[in-house]
Amino acid sequence: MQELDYSKMGERIRQSRKAKGWTQETLARKCGISLNFMGKVERGNRRMSLDTFARLCMELETDADALLWGVVQPSETAARNMWKHPKKKDSDSYAMYMRIMKSVADIMNET
């Protein structure tokens, strides 16, 4: 089994946080942990509970594998957003999406 590298995991947490434009303080508050602890987690100096890790994943809207191992998979949020109706200004994208889905359905019905 692969061993966790806490400093790499902390760096991935930091990158995800910065991608959202959040400070450490913002993420710490959202996760219910102290700013001091958040900094130590991002530096890989402290291990967190499973509850804290789950809250980080939820707040950062990222998959656990992405933070643990750096393996990026589509998040559940991204999958859900794919099925939402687009805004009027995005009707071209929606039309293309519907054509693609119809093509997939046609291919599946051929088998």
N, C-alpha and C. Protein backbone atom coordinates (compact mmCIF):
# COMPACT_ATOMS: atom_id res chain seq x y z
N MET A 1 0.84 -1.19 0.00
CA MET A 1 0.00 0.00 0.00
C MET A 1 0.88 1.24 0.00
N GLN A 2 0.48 2.23 -0.77
CA GLN A 2 1.22 3.48 -0.88
C GLN A 2 1.11 4.28 0.42
N GLU A 3 2.21 4.86 0.85
CA GLU A 3 2.21 5.66 2.07
C GLU A 3 1.86 7.11 1.76
N LEU A 4 1.07 7.71 2.63
CA LEU A 4 0.67 9.11 2.44
C LEU A 4 1.85 10.05 2.66
N ASP A 5 1.96 11.02 1.80
CA ASP A 5 2.94 12.09 1.96
C ASP A 5 2.16 13.32 2.41
N TYR A 6 2.23 13.61 3.71
CA TYR A 6 1.42 14.68 4.28
C TYR A 6 1.81 16.06 3.77
N SER A 7 3.08 16.26 3.44
CA SER A 7 3.44 17.58 2.91
C SER A 7 2.89 17.77 1.50
N LYS A 8 2.88 16.72 0.69
CA LYS A 8 2.28 16.83 -0.65
C LYS A 8 0.77 17.01 -0.55
N MET A 9 0.15 16.29 0.39
CA MET A 9 -1.28 16.45 0.59
C MET A 9 -1.59 17.88 1.03
N GLY A 10 -0.79 18.42 1.94
CA GLY A 10 -0.97 19.79 2.39
C GLY A 10 -0.82 20.78 1.24
N GLU A 11 0.13 20.52 0.36
CA GLU A 11 0.32 21.39 -0.80
C GLU A 11 -0.90 21.35 -1.72
N ARG A 12 -1.47 20.15 -1.90
CA ARG A 12 -2.67 20.04 -2.75
C ARG A 12 -3.85 20.77 -2.11
N ILE A 13 -3.95 20.70 -0.79
CA ILE A 13 -5.00 21.44 -0.09
C ILE A 13 -4.79 22.94 -0.32
N ARG A 14 -3.54 23.40 -0.17
CA ARG A 14 -3.22 24.81 -0.38
C ARG A 14 -3.57 25.24 -1.80
N GLN A 15 -3.21 24.44 -2.79
CA GLN A 15 -3.50 24.77 -4.18
C GLN A 15 -5.00 24.86 -4.43
N SER A 16 -5.76 23.92 -3.87
CA SER A 16 -7.22 23.94 -4.02
C SER A 16 -7.82 25.18 -3.36
N ARG A 17 -7.31 25.51 -2.19
CA ARG A 17 -7.79 26.70 -1.47
C ARG A 17 -7.51 27.96 -2.26
N LYS A 18 -6.28 28.08 -2.76
CA LYS A 18 -5.90 29.27 -3.52
C LYS A 18 -6.68 29.37 -4.83
N ALA A 19 -6.99 28.22 -5.43
CA ALA A 19 -7.77 28.23 -6.67
C ALA A 19 -9.16 28.83 -6.45
N LYS A 20 -9.66 28.72 -5.23
CA LYS A 20 -10.95 29.32 -4.88
C LYS A 20 -10.79 30.76 -4.45
N GLY A 21 -9.55 31.22 -4.31
CA GLY A 21 -9.31 32.58 -3.88
C GLY A 21 -9.51 32.79 -2.39
N TRP A 22 -9.41 31.72 -1.62
CA TRP A 22 -9.64 31.78 -0.18
C TRP A 22 -8.34 31.91 0.58
N THR A 23 -8.42 32.56 1.73
CA THR A 23 -7.29 32.60 2.67
C THR A 23 -7.35 31.34 3.52
N GLN A 24 -6.26 31.08 4.24
CA GLN A 24 -6.27 29.97 5.19
C GLN A 24 -7.38 30.18 6.22
N GLU A 25 -7.52 31.42 6.64
CA GLU A 25 -8.53 31.74 7.65
C GLU A 25 -9.94 31.41 7.17
N THR A 26 -10.23 31.72 5.91
CA THR A 26 -11.55 31.42 5.35
C THR A 26 -11.81 29.92 5.36
N LEU A 27 -10.86 29.14 4.87
CA LEU A 27 -11.04 27.69 4.82
C LEU A 27 -11.13 27.10 6.23
N ALA A 28 -10.28 27.57 7.12
CA ALA A 28 -10.31 27.08 8.50
C ALA A 28 -11.68 27.33 9.12
N ARG A 29 -12.22 28.53 8.93
CA ARG A 29 -13.53 28.87 9.48
C ARG A 29 -14.61 27.96 8.91
N LYS A 30 -14.58 27.75 7.59
CA LYS A 30 -15.57 26.90 6.94
C LYS A 30 -15.51 25.46 7.46
N CYS A 31 -14.31 25.01 7.84
CA CYS A 31 -14.12 23.63 8.30
C CYS A 31 -14.20 23.49 9.82
N GLY A 32 -14.33 24.61 10.51
CA GLY A 32 -14.45 24.55 11.96
C GLY A 32 -13.16 24.21 12.69
N ILE A 33 -12.03 24.62 12.11
CA ILE A 33 -10.74 24.39 12.75
C ILE A 33 -10.02 25.72 12.93
N SER A 34 -8.97 25.72 13.74
CA SER A 34 -8.24 26.97 13.97
C SER A 34 -7.33 27.30 12.79
N LEU A 35 -7.02 28.56 12.66
CA LEU A 35 -6.10 29.01 11.63
C LEU A 35 -4.73 28.36 11.82
N ASN A 36 -4.29 28.27 13.06
CA ASN A 36 -3.01 27.65 13.38
C ASN A 36 -2.97 26.19 12.89
N PHE A 37 -4.03 25.45 13.17
CA PHE A 37 -4.10 24.04 12.75
C PHE A 37 -4.12 23.95 11.22
N MET A 38 -4.87 24.84 10.58
CA MET A 38 -4.96 24.84 9.11
C MET A 38 -3.57 25.01 8.50
N GLY A 39 -2.79 25.95 9.05
CA GLY A 39 -1.43 26.16 8.56
C GLY A 39 -0.57 24.93 8.71
N LYS A 40 -0.70 24.25 9.83
CA LYS A 40 0.10 23.04 10.07
C LYS A 40 -0.32 21.91 9.13
N VAL A 41 -1.59 21.81 8.84
CA VAL A 41 -2.08 20.80 7.88
C VAL A 41 -1.49 21.09 6.50
N GLU A 42 -1.55 22.35 6.07
CA GLU A 42 -1.02 22.70 4.75
C GLU A 42 0.49 22.49 4.64
N ARG A 43 1.19 22.62 5.73
CA ARG A 43 2.64 22.38 5.72
C ARG A 43 2.98 20.89 5.89
N GLY A 44 1.97 20.09 6.21
CA GLY A 44 2.18 18.66 6.40
C GLY A 44 2.73 18.32 7.77
N ASN A 45 2.63 19.27 8.71
CA ASN A 45 3.16 19.05 10.06
C ASN A 45 2.18 18.37 11.00
N ARG A 46 0.91 18.40 10.67
CA ARG A 46 -0.11 17.81 11.54
C ARG A 46 -1.04 16.93 10.72
N ARG A 47 -1.51 15.88 11.35
CA ARG A 47 -2.51 15.02 10.74
C ARG A 47 -3.88 15.44 11.24
N MET A 48 -4.86 15.29 10.39
CA MET A 48 -6.21 15.72 10.76
C MET A 48 -7.11 14.50 10.93
N SER A 49 -8.23 14.72 11.58
CA SER A 49 -9.22 13.65 11.74
C SER A 49 -9.91 13.40 10.41
N LEU A 50 -10.56 12.27 10.33
CA LEU A 50 -11.33 11.94 9.13
C LEU A 50 -12.47 12.95 8.93
N ASP A 51 -13.07 13.39 10.03
CA ASP A 51 -14.15 14.39 9.94
C ASP A 51 -13.62 15.69 9.32
N THR A 52 -12.45 16.14 9.77
CA THR A 52 -11.87 17.37 9.23
C THR A 52 -11.52 17.19 7.76
N PHE A 53 -10.96 16.04 7.41
CA PHE A 53 -10.61 15.77 6.02
C PHE A 53 -11.87 15.78 5.14
N ALA A 54 -12.94 15.17 5.63
CA ALA A 54 -14.20 15.14 4.87
C ALA A 54 -14.74 16.56 4.68
N ARG A 55 -14.65 17.40 5.72
CA ARG A 55 -15.11 18.79 5.60
C ARG A 55 -14.25 19.55 4.59
N LEU A 56 -12.93 19.30 4.59
CA LEU A 56 -12.06 19.95 3.61
C LEU A 56 -12.47 19.58 2.19
N CYS A 57 -12.69 18.30 1.97
CA CYS A 57 -13.10 17.85 0.63
C CYS A 57 -14.41 18.51 0.22
N MET A 58 -15.36 18.56 1.15
CA MET A 58 -16.66 19.14 0.85
C MET A 58 -16.54 20.64 0.56
N GLU A 59 -15.83 21.36 1.40
CA GLU A 59 -15.70 22.81 1.21
C GLU A 59 -14.91 23.15 -0.05
N LEU A 60 -13.88 22.37 -0.34
CA LEU A 60 -13.06 22.62 -1.52
C LEU A 60 -13.69 22.05 -2.79
N GLU A 61 -14.80 21.30 -2.61
CA GLU A 61 -15.49 20.64 -3.72
C GLU A 61 -14.52 19.81 -4.55
N THR A 62 -13.78 18.97 -3.85
CA THR A 62 -12.81 18.12 -4.52
C THR A 62 -12.94 16.69 -4.03
N ASP A 63 -12.44 15.80 -4.82
CA ASP A 63 -12.46 14.38 -4.51
C ASP A 63 -11.36 14.06 -3.51
N ALA A 64 -11.61 13.11 -2.62
CA ALA A 64 -10.61 12.71 -1.63
C ALA A 64 -9.33 12.24 -2.31
N ASP A 65 -9.43 11.50 -3.40
CA ASP A 65 -8.24 11.02 -4.11
C ASP A 65 -7.37 12.17 -4.61
N ALA A 66 -8.01 13.26 -4.99
CA ALA A 66 -7.25 14.42 -5.48
C ALA A 66 -6.37 14.98 -4.37
N LEU A 67 -6.91 15.07 -3.15
CA LEU A 67 -6.12 15.61 -2.04
C LEU A 67 -5.13 14.58 -1.50
N LEU A 68 -5.54 13.33 -1.40
CA LEU A 68 -4.66 12.31 -0.83
C LEU A 68 -3.51 11.94 -1.76
N TRP A 69 -3.83 11.68 -3.01
CA TRP A 69 -2.85 11.11 -3.94
C TRP A 69 -2.54 11.98 -5.14
N GLY A 70 -3.30 13.04 -5.36
CA GLY A 70 -3.11 13.88 -6.53
C GLY A 70 -3.77 13.32 -7.77
N VAL A 71 -4.70 12.37 -7.58
CA VAL A 71 -5.43 11.77 -8.68
C VAL A 71 -6.72 12.54 -8.86
N VAL A 72 -6.82 13.26 -9.97
CA VAL A 72 -7.98 14.12 -10.18
C VAL A 72 -9.08 13.33 -10.87
N GLN A 73 -10.25 13.35 -10.24
CA GLN A 73 -11.45 12.74 -10.80
C GLN A 73 -12.54 13.79 -10.75
N PRO A 74 -13.52 13.70 -11.65
CA PRO A 74 -14.59 14.69 -11.62
C PRO A 74 -15.32 14.64 -10.27
N SER A 75 -15.55 15.79 -9.69
CA SER A 75 -16.26 15.84 -8.42
C SER A 75 -17.74 15.60 -8.65
N GLU A 76 -18.42 15.21 -7.62
CA GLU A 76 -19.86 14.99 -7.69
C GLU A 76 -20.56 16.28 -8.09
N THR A 77 -20.04 17.40 -7.60
CA THR A 77 -20.63 18.70 -7.93
C THR A 77 -20.53 18.96 -9.43
N ALA A 78 -19.38 18.65 -10.01
CA ALA A 78 -19.21 18.86 -11.46
C ALA A 78 -20.17 17.98 -12.24
N ALA A 79 -20.35 16.74 -11.79
CA ALA A 79 -21.27 15.84 -12.48
C ALA A 79 -22.71 16.35 -12.37
N ARG A 80 -23.07 16.83 -11.18
CA ARG A 80 -24.43 17.37 -11.01
C ARG A 80 -24.63 18.61 -11.88
N ASN A 81 -23.63 19.48 -11.92
CA ASN A 81 -23.76 20.71 -12.71
C ASN A 81 -23.93 20.41 -14.19
N MET A 82 -23.37 19.29 -14.66
CA MET A 82 -23.48 18.92 -16.06
C MET A 82 -24.95 18.69 -16.44
N TRP A 83 -25.77 18.27 -15.49
CA TRP A 83 -27.15 17.94 -15.79
C TRP A 83 -28.11 19.11 -15.57
N LYS A 84 -27.62 20.22 -15.03
CA LYS A 84 -28.49 21.38 -14.81
C LYS A 84 -28.81 22.05 -16.14
N HIS A 85 -29.95 22.73 -16.16
CA HIS A 85 -30.30 23.49 -17.36
C HIS A 85 -29.41 24.71 -17.45
N PRO A 86 -28.91 25.00 -18.63
CA PRO A 86 -28.02 26.16 -18.78
C PRO A 86 -28.79 27.47 -18.73
N LYS A 87 -28.08 28.52 -18.49
CA LYS A 87 -28.66 29.86 -18.55
C LYS A 87 -28.90 30.20 -20.02
N LYS A 88 -29.76 31.14 -20.28
CA LYS A 88 -30.09 31.51 -21.66
C LYS A 88 -28.86 31.85 -22.48
N LYS A 89 -27.90 32.55 -21.86
CA LYS A 89 -26.72 32.97 -22.62
C LYS A 89 -25.85 31.78 -23.04
N ASP A 90 -26.13 30.60 -22.50
CA ASP A 90 -25.32 29.43 -22.79
C ASP A 90 -26.10 28.42 -23.64
N SER A 91 -27.04 28.90 -24.43
CA SER A 91 -27.90 27.98 -25.17
C SER A 91 -27.14 27.20 -26.24
N ASP A 92 -26.08 27.77 -26.82
CA ASP A 92 -25.28 27.04 -27.81
C ASP A 92 -24.62 25.82 -27.18
N SER A 93 -24.09 25.98 -25.98
CA SER A 93 -23.46 24.87 -25.28
C SER A 93 -24.49 23.80 -24.96
N TYR A 94 -25.68 24.23 -24.56
CA TYR A 94 -26.74 23.29 -24.23
C TYR A 94 -27.15 22.49 -25.48
N ALA A 95 -27.27 23.17 -26.60
CA ALA A 95 -27.66 22.49 -27.84
C ALA A 95 -26.61 21.45 -28.22
N MET A 96 -25.33 21.81 -28.08
CA MET A 96 -24.27 20.86 -28.39
C MET A 96 -24.32 19.68 -27.42
N TYR A 97 -24.52 19.98 -26.14
CA TYR A 97 -24.62 18.93 -25.13
C TYR A 97 -25.75 17.97 -25.48
N MET A 98 -26.90 18.48 -25.88
CA MET A 98 -28.05 17.63 -26.21
C MET A 98 -27.75 16.77 -27.44
N ARG A 99 -27.06 17.32 -28.43
CA ARG A 99 -26.68 16.53 -29.62
C ARG A 99 -25.76 15.39 -29.22
N ILE A 100 -24.80 15.68 -28.35
CA ILE A 100 -23.87 14.64 -27.89
C ILE A 100 -24.62 13.55 -27.14
N MET A 101 -25.52 13.94 -26.23
CA MET A 101 -26.28 12.96 -25.46
C MET A 101 -27.17 12.12 -26.36
N LYS A 102 -27.78 12.75 -27.38
CA LYS A 102 -28.62 11.99 -28.32
C LYS A 102 -27.76 10.99 -29.09
N SER A 103 -26.55 11.39 -29.49
CA SER A 103 -25.66 10.48 -30.19
C SER A 103 -25.27 9.29 -29.32
N VAL A 104 -24.99 9.56 -28.07
CA VAL A 104 -24.64 8.47 -27.13
C VAL A 104 -25.83 7.53 -26.98
N ALA A 105 -27.02 8.09 -26.83
CA ALA A 105 -28.22 7.26 -26.69
C ALA A 105 -28.45 6.41 -27.95
N ASP A 106 -28.25 7.01 -29.13
CA ASP A 106 -28.39 6.27 -30.39
C ASP A 106 -27.40 5.11 -30.46
N ILE A 107 -26.18 5.35 -30.08
CA ILE A 107 -25.14 4.30 -30.11
C ILE A 107 -25.52 3.17 -29.13
N MET A 108 -25.99 3.56 -27.97
CA MET A 108 -26.36 2.55 -26.97
C MET A 108 -27.57 1.72 -27.43
N ASN A 109 -28.47 2.33 -28.16
CA ASN A 109 -29.65 1.60 -28.64
C ASN A 109 -29.32 0.68 -29.80
N GLU A 110 -28.21 0.89 -30.49
CA GLU A 110 -27.79 0.04 -31.60
C GLU A 110 -27.27 -1.31 -31.13
N THR A 111 -26.79 -1.38 -29.91
CA THR A 111 -26.19 -2.64 -29.43
C THR A 111 -27.20 -3.62 -28.94
